[in-house]
Amino acid sequence: MEVLVLLLVLLLAAANGANDVPKGVATLAGAGVTKIRTAIAWGTVATILGCLVSLTLASKMTDLFSKGIVSARPTPTFTVAVLIGTIFWVVLATILKLPVSTTHALVGSLLGAGSLFAGSAVEWNGLLGKVVQPLLLSILVAYAISAVLGIITRKVVTIRTARREKIQAPVPDGDAAPVATLTTQVEPTKAQRAVGIAHWATSGLASFARGLNDAPKIVAIGSFALVGGMTPTGLLFAVTAAMAIGGVLAGSRIADRLAYSVIQIPHVEGFTANLTTASLVGLGAILGLPMSTTQVSAGAISGIAANDLSRLNKKTVRDLLIAWLCTPPVAAAVAAGAYLLLS
């Protein structure tokens, strides 16, 4: 059973990588800065660094998901059920190109299987403050911060790549004038180059924060079933590797949806969205607040529109909201069913 738990933990990490790695770097592709594959490669590297640092900076997150939601000592059957519920939903959502929250799926699975495994050990009283409020408020906060930063940066920096000027000489007799076309290539200003560098940097920071936030959750679920003397650090390395593989192999599906289907993302606005995501998700990981990278990044990207909601793709926003609402109950139902079958 311990080997099965380890395999499922690695499968969950790979599914998480496929669904989550693109979220920090999708704005690079959406703004036309680079191709999706290059953006994912950059996001994967930054995610790996965040994962490796997580044992030091995100110990509160590990504690929350190991005993803060279901306080009873987990059994292999309970753990397998939780993993099955989470994996089912994250994999299905990735196939459907829906960026969903692994955090939401994990919480739903813990509650679904936990209610059957040890109902009295489910920490319902602390669930609202420790889990639900951070998850919900992070969307609104991300939207608001991104909107404010977007308004400020749009006033400070005007992004231009090239312009064409057509000069038509006046003709005294009123006949049609021949048109002389003058093409002027505008060199990026220092401010524009700085924004470009900052966009790459903040997308890396967002991916770093995502690894910092997600790796401890996955390690916490599988840490009690360490195979062959494997240490928590060894498990973290394995989870990190699986997450990176999942991102590289299947991350383009989610990146494509976030980059092109939510809103058109100019360069400077992509920078502000990533800055918002990196700040909130990183802070949440350190404080032990289980924010969803999915919802923070989607909220930040949507916040680019500020009060001009006509810029948003309503169909995509609707699909995302439906997927988010379905995540906890579907994962809970699958985890509960798995627990009943395995018991």
Protein backbone atom coordinates (compact mmCIF):
# COMPACT_ATOMS: atom_id res chain seq x y z
CA MET A 1 0.00 0.00 0.00
CA GLU A 2 2.87 2.39 0.69
CA VAL A 3 4.18 1.91 -2.85
CA LEU A 4 0.70 2.66 -4.21
CA VAL A 5 0.54 5.84 -2.13
CA LEU A 6 3.91 6.96 -3.46
CA LEU A 7 2.88 6.31 -7.06
CA LEU A 8 -0.36 8.22 -6.58
CA VAL A 9 1.48 11.12 -4.94
CA LEU A 10 3.79 11.35 -7.95
CA LEU A 11 0.83 11.12 -10.33
CA LEU A 12 -0.87 13.95 -8.44
CA ALA A 13 2.32 16.01 -8.65
CA ALA A 14 2.50 15.44 -12.41
CA ALA A 15 -1.18 16.39 -12.82
CA ASN A 16 -0.58 19.47 -10.70
CA GLY A 17 2.37 20.44 -12.87
CA ALA A 18 0.33 20.05 -16.06
CA ASN A 19 -2.49 22.23 -14.71
CA ASP A 20 -0.55 24.74 -12.60
CA VAL A 21 2.91 25.37 -14.09
CA PRO A 22 1.48 27.43 -16.99
CA LYS A 23 -0.44 29.79 -14.68
CA GLY A 24 2.55 31.90 -13.71
CA VAL A 25 3.88 32.32 -17.24
CA ALA A 26 0.77 32.38 -19.46
CA THR A 27 0.95 36.18 -19.69
CA LEU A 28 4.30 35.93 -21.48
CA ALA A 29 2.64 34.04 -24.32
CA GLY A 30 -0.54 36.11 -24.18
CA ALA A 31 1.42 39.35 -24.55
CA GLY A 32 3.40 37.92 -27.46
CA VAL A 33 6.68 38.06 -25.56
CA THR A 34 7.58 34.45 -26.28
CA LYS A 35 6.11 31.13 -27.39
CA ILE A 36 4.10 28.96 -25.03
CA ARG A 37 6.74 26.22 -24.89
CA THR A 38 9.45 28.70 -23.93
CA ALA A 39 7.20 30.25 -21.30
CA ILE A 40 6.45 26.81 -19.81
CA ALA A 41 10.15 25.94 -19.72
CA TRP A 42 10.84 29.14 -17.78
CA GLY A 43 7.89 28.46 -15.48
CA THR A 44 9.11 24.92 -14.84
CA VAL A 45 12.56 26.08 -13.78
CA ALA A 46 11.10 28.69 -11.42
CA THR A 47 8.60 26.17 -10.02
CA ILE A 48 11.41 23.72 -9.26
CA LEU A 49 13.21 26.38 -7.25
CA GLY A 50 10.03 27.20 -5.34
CA CYS A 51 9.44 23.53 -4.55
CA LEU A 52 12.96 23.05 -3.23
CA VAL A 53 12.67 26.06 -0.93
CA SER A 54 9.22 25.06 0.36
CA LEU A 55 10.39 22.78 3.16
CA THR A 56 12.14 25.74 4.76
CA LEU A 57 9.65 28.56 4.16
CA ALA A 58 6.31 26.73 3.93
CA SER A 59 6.27 24.44 6.98
CA LYS A 60 2.91 25.92 8.10
CA MET A 61 1.34 24.76 4.85
CA THR A 62 2.65 21.23 5.38
CA ASP A 63 1.20 21.18 8.91
CA LEU A 64 -2.19 22.39 7.69
CA PHE A 65 -2.61 19.66 5.09
CA SER A 66 -1.13 16.87 7.21
CA LYS A 67 -3.27 17.43 10.31
CA GLY A 68 -5.04 20.79 10.16
CA ILE A 69 -8.08 19.62 8.16
CA VAL A 70 -8.41 16.02 9.36
CA SER A 71 -6.60 15.64 12.67
CA ALA A 72 -6.78 11.83 12.94
CA ARG A 73 -3.68 9.85 12.03
CA PRO A 74 -4.19 8.88 8.38
CA THR A 75 -4.32 5.30 7.19
CA PRO A 76 -3.17 4.07 3.78
CA THR A 77 -6.80 3.55 2.72
CA PHE A 78 -7.74 7.12 3.64
CA THR A 79 -4.70 8.55 1.88
CA VAL A 80 -5.32 6.55 -1.30
CA ALA A 81 -8.93 7.74 -1.36
CA VAL A 82 -7.86 11.39 -0.96
CA LEU A 83 -5.32 11.04 -3.75
CA ILE A 84 -7.79 9.34 -6.10
CA GLY A 85 -10.38 12.09 -5.60
CA THR A 86 -7.83 14.85 -6.21
CA ILE A 87 -6.13 13.20 -9.18
CA PHE A 88 -9.44 12.40 -10.88
CA TRP A 89 -10.58 16.01 -10.93
CA VAL A 90 -7.24 17.66 -11.77
CA VAL A 91 -6.56 15.25 -14.65
CA LEU A 92 -10.10 15.61 -16.03
CA ALA A 93 -9.89 19.39 -15.84
CA THR A 94 -6.53 19.42 -17.62
CA ILE A 95 -7.93 17.28 -20.44
CA LEU A 96 -10.81 19.75 -20.74
CA LYS A 97 -8.36 22.71 -20.71
CA LEU A 98 -9.82 24.06 -17.46
CA PRO A 99 -7.36 25.66 -15.02
CA VAL A 100 -8.60 24.42 -11.64
CA SER A 101 -7.27 24.49 -8.11
CA THR A 102 -5.35 21.51 -6.77
CA THR A 103 -5.82 23.10 -3.35
CA HIS A 104 -9.61 23.05 -3.72
CA ALA A 105 -9.51 19.46 -4.95
CA LEU A 106 -7.32 18.39 -2.03
CA VAL A 107 -9.55 20.10 0.51
CA GLY A 108 -12.66 18.56 -1.04
CA SER A 109 -11.08 15.10 -1.08
CA LEU A 110 -9.91 15.41 2.53
CA LEU A 111 -13.41 16.37 3.64
CA GLY A 112 -15.14 13.73 1.52
CA ALA A 113 -12.97 10.82 2.62
CA GLY A 114 -12.39 12.29 6.09
CA SER A 115 -16.11 12.41 6.88
CA LEU A 116 -16.26 8.63 6.42
CA PHE A 117 -12.84 7.84 7.87
CA ALA A 118 -13.07 9.91 11.06
CA GLY A 119 -15.96 12.36 11.01
CA SER A 120 -15.24 13.65 14.50
CA ALA A 121 -11.65 14.45 13.51
CA VAL A 122 -12.61 16.81 10.69
CA GLU A 123 -11.70 20.33 11.81
CA TRP A 124 -14.91 22.01 10.69
CA ASN A 125 -14.55 24.92 13.12
CA GLY A 126 -11.20 26.06 11.77
CA LEU A 127 -12.02 25.31 8.15
CA LEU A 128 -13.68 28.65 7.45
CA GLY A 129 -10.83 30.82 8.70
CA LYS A 130 -7.89 28.63 7.67
CA VAL A 131 -9.06 27.44 4.27
CA VAL A 132 -12.29 28.90 2.88
CA GLN A 133 -11.69 32.60 3.56
CA PRO A 134 -8.14 32.71 2.13
CA LEU A 135 -9.28 30.85 -0.98
CA LEU A 136 -12.24 33.12 -1.67
CA LEU A 137 -10.76 36.46 -0.62
CA SER A 138 -7.60 35.88 -2.65
CA ILE A 139 -9.60 36.14 -5.90
CA LEU A 140 -11.07 39.51 -5.01
CA VAL A 141 -7.80 40.85 -3.63
CA ALA A 142 -5.90 39.68 -6.73
CA TYR A 143 -8.45 41.35 -9.02
CA ALA A 144 -8.34 44.62 -7.08
CA ILE A 145 -4.54 44.82 -6.84
CA SER A 146 -4.05 43.92 -10.50
CA ALA A 147 -6.65 46.52 -11.55
CA VAL A 148 -4.97 49.29 -9.54
CA LEU A 149 -1.47 48.36 -10.71
CA GLY A 150 -2.70 48.15 -14.29
CA ILE A 151 -4.19 51.65 -14.17
CA ILE A 152 -0.99 53.06 -12.69
CA THR A 153 1.40 51.36 -15.10
CA ARG A 154 -0.69 52.22 -18.15
CA LYS A 155 -0.31 55.88 -17.25
CA VAL A 156 3.44 55.59 -16.72
CA VAL A 157 4.49 53.38 -19.62
CA THR A 158 3.09 53.22 -23.16
CA ILE A 159 4.13 50.05 -24.93
CA ARG A 160 4.80 50.30 -28.63
CA THR A 161 6.56 47.82 -30.89
CA ALA A 162 6.46 49.64 -34.22
CA ARG A 163 4.49 52.30 -36.05
CA ARG A 164 3.92 53.31 -39.62
CA GLU A 165 3.42 56.89 -40.69
CA LYS A 166 1.94 57.76 -44.03
CA ILE A 167 2.64 61.26 -45.25
CA GLN A 168 0.51 62.59 -48.09
CA ALA A 169 1.88 65.67 -49.87
CA PRO A 170 -0.69 68.41 -50.59
CA VAL A 171 -1.62 68.94 -54.25
CA PRO A 172 -2.66 72.48 -55.35
CA ASP A 173 -5.12 71.45 -58.08
CA GLY A 174 -6.97 69.01 -55.82
CA ASP A 175 -6.09 65.92 -57.89
CA ALA A 176 -5.28 62.70 -56.10
CA ALA A 177 -1.86 62.92 -54.60
CA PRO A 178 0.74 60.19 -54.77
CA VAL A 179 1.34 58.75 -51.34
CA ALA A 180 4.83 58.46 -50.01
CA THR A 181 5.05 55.89 -47.25
CA LEU A 182 7.61 56.30 -44.53
CA THR A 183 8.10 53.42 -42.13
CA THR A 184 9.64 54.24 -38.80
CA GLN A 185 10.84 51.52 -36.45
CA VAL A 186 10.61 52.79 -32.92
CA GLU A 187 13.33 51.54 -30.63
CA PRO A 188 12.16 50.45 -27.18
CA THR A 189 12.77 53.06 -24.54
CA LYS A 190 14.60 52.30 -21.32
CA ALA A 191 11.27 52.14 -19.52
CA GLN A 192 9.90 49.64 -22.04
CA ARG A 193 13.00 47.47 -21.80
CA ALA A 194 12.73 47.58 -18.01
CA VAL A 195 9.10 46.43 -18.19
CA GLY A 196 10.14 43.59 -20.50
CA ILE A 197 12.74 42.38 -18.03
CA ALA A 198 10.29 42.83 -15.17
CA HIS A 199 7.66 40.78 -17.00
CA TRP A 200 10.04 37.84 -17.27
CA ALA A 201 11.08 38.30 -13.65
CA THR A 202 7.56 38.50 -12.22
CA SER A 203 6.40 35.50 -14.23
CA GLY A 204 9.30 33.57 -12.72
CA LEU A 205 8.39 34.82 -9.26
CA ALA A 206 4.77 33.75 -9.76
CA SER A 207 5.92 30.26 -10.71
CA PHE A 208 8.35 30.21 -7.78
CA ALA A 209 5.51 31.15 -5.41
CA ARG A 210 3.32 28.44 -6.94
CA GLY A 211 5.94 25.78 -6.21
CA LEU A 212 6.34 27.20 -2.72
CA ASN A 213 2.57 26.96 -2.20
CA ASP A 214 1.72 23.60 -3.82
CA ALA A 215 4.62 21.29 -3.08
CA PRO A 216 4.07 21.19 0.72
CA LYS A 217 0.42 20.19 0.23
CA ILE A 218 1.30 17.20 -1.91
CA VAL A 219 4.21 16.16 0.30
CA ALA A 220 1.96 16.40 3.38
CA ILE A 221 -0.57 13.96 1.92
CA GLY A 222 2.03 11.30 1.17
CA SER A 223 4.55 11.89 3.93
CA PHE A 224 3.31 9.19 6.31
CA ALA A 225 3.80 6.43 3.70
CA LEU A 226 7.50 6.92 3.05
CA VAL A 227 8.85 3.91 1.19
CA GLY A 228 12.14 2.23 1.98
CA GLY A 229 13.38 4.81 4.45
CA MET A 230 12.65 7.75 2.12
CA THR A 231 12.85 11.04 3.99
CA PRO A 232 10.46 13.99 3.57
CA THR A 233 13.24 15.75 1.68
CA GLY A 234 13.56 12.78 -0.67
CA LEU A 235 9.80 12.80 -1.21
CA LEU A 236 9.95 16.52 -1.97
CA PHE A 237 12.60 15.92 -4.65
CA ALA A 238 10.44 13.21 -6.21
CA VAL A 239 7.35 15.43 -6.14
CA THR A 240 9.33 18.30 -7.69
CA ALA A 241 10.58 16.09 -10.52
CA ALA A 242 7.09 14.75 -11.24
CA MET A 243 5.64 18.26 -11.19
CA ALA A 244 8.24 19.46 -13.68
CA ILE A 245 7.61 16.51 -16.02
CA GLY A 246 3.86 17.11 -15.95
CA GLY A 247 4.31 20.79 -16.74
CA VAL A 248 6.64 20.20 -19.68
CA LEU A 249 4.59 17.38 -21.21
CA ALA A 250 1.06 18.72 -20.83
CA GLY A 251 1.20 22.33 -19.64
CA SER A 252 0.50 23.86 -23.04
CA ARG A 253 -3.24 23.06 -22.82
CA ILE A 254 -3.82 25.28 -19.80
CA ALA A 255 -1.32 27.91 -20.94
CA ASP A 256 -3.20 28.31 -24.20
CA ARG A 257 -6.51 28.83 -22.37
CA LEU A 258 -5.16 31.42 -19.93
CA ALA A 259 -2.96 33.22 -22.44
CA TYR A 260 -5.50 33.78 -25.19
CA SER A 261 -9.04 33.10 -23.93
CA VAL A 262 -9.54 35.32 -20.87
CA ILE A 263 -8.42 38.74 -22.09
CA GLN A 264 -5.94 40.28 -24.51
CA ILE A 265 -2.81 40.86 -22.46
CA PRO A 266 -0.52 43.77 -23.34
CA HIS A 267 3.08 43.51 -22.16
CA VAL A 268 2.90 45.92 -19.24
CA GLU A 269 -0.37 44.44 -17.97
CA GLY A 270 1.07 40.94 -18.03
CA PHE A 271 3.82 42.22 -15.77
CA THR A 272 1.34 43.65 -13.26
CA ALA A 273 -0.78 40.47 -13.24
CA ASN A 274 2.29 38.34 -12.50
CA LEU A 275 3.48 40.73 -9.80
CA THR A 276 0.10 40.39 -8.08
CA THR A 277 0.10 36.59 -8.34
CA ALA A 278 3.66 36.22 -7.06
CA SER A 279 3.07 38.50 -4.09
CA LEU A 280 -0.18 36.94 -2.89
CA VAL A 281 0.68 33.28 -3.46
CA GLY A 282 4.16 33.65 -1.96
CA LEU A 283 2.81 35.41 1.10
CA GLY A 284 0.11 32.76 1.48
CA ALA A 285 2.66 29.94 1.38
CA ILE A 286 4.80 31.53 4.09
CA LEU A 287 1.81 32.32 6.35
CA GLY A 288 0.20 28.93 5.84
CA LEU A 289 -2.82 30.34 3.98
CA PRO A 290 -3.83 27.86 1.25
CA MET A 291 -4.44 30.23 -1.64
CA SER A 292 -5.24 28.80 -5.03
CA THR A 293 -2.68 29.77 -7.64
CA THR A 294 -5.38 29.13 -10.23
CA GLN A 295 -7.80 31.63 -8.78
CA VAL A 296 -5.17 34.21 -7.85
CA SER A 297 -3.63 34.17 -11.33
CA ALA A 298 -7.03 34.17 -13.08
CA GLY A 299 -8.20 36.97 -10.79
CA ALA A 300 -5.05 38.96 -11.50
CA ILE A 301 -5.33 38.41 -15.26
CA SER A 302 -9.01 39.40 -15.18
CA GLY A 303 -8.11 42.45 -13.08
CA ILE A 304 -6.21 43.78 -16.06
CA ALA A 305 -9.61 44.85 -17.40
CA ALA A 306 -10.20 47.01 -14.30
CA ASN A 307 -13.67 48.52 -14.73
CA ASP A 308 -13.84 47.74 -18.47
CA LEU A 309 -15.40 44.28 -18.16
CA SER A 310 -16.21 44.23 -21.87
CA ARG A 311 -12.58 43.22 -22.44
CA LEU A 312 -13.17 39.88 -20.71
CA ASN A 313 -14.20 36.77 -22.63
CA LYS A 314 -17.50 36.04 -20.89
CA LYS A 315 -17.68 32.43 -22.04
CA THR A 316 -14.24 31.62 -20.65
CA VAL A 317 -14.97 33.37 -17.36
CA ARG A 318 -18.22 31.40 -17.08
CA ASP A 319 -16.42 28.10 -17.76
CA LEU A 320 -13.80 28.90 -15.13
CA LEU A 321 -16.40 29.77 -12.49
CA ILE A 322 -18.33 26.55 -13.14
CA ALA A 323 -15.14 24.49 -12.91
CA TRP A 324 -14.13 26.18 -9.65
CA LEU A 325 -17.55 25.60 -8.09
CA CYS A 326 -17.50 21.94 -9.14
CA THR A 327 -13.99 21.22 -7.85
CA PRO A 328 -14.58 20.63 -4.09
CA PRO A 329 -17.85 18.65 -4.34
CA VAL A 330 -16.72 16.44 -7.23
CA ALA A 331 -13.37 15.66 -5.58
CA ALA A 332 -15.16 15.01 -2.27
CA ALA A 333 -17.65 12.64 -3.91
CA VAL A 334 -14.96 10.69 -5.77
CA ALA A 335 -12.76 10.46 -2.65
CA ALA A 336 -15.70 9.28 -0.53
CA GLY A 337 -16.62 6.68 -3.13
CA ALA A 338 -13.04 5.49 -3.32
CA TYR A 339 -12.87 5.17 0.46
CA LEU A 340 -16.06 3.09 0.56
CA LEU A 341 -14.73 0.77 -2.16
CA LEU A 342 -11.34 0.34 -0.47
CA SER A 343 -12.61 -0.12 3.08
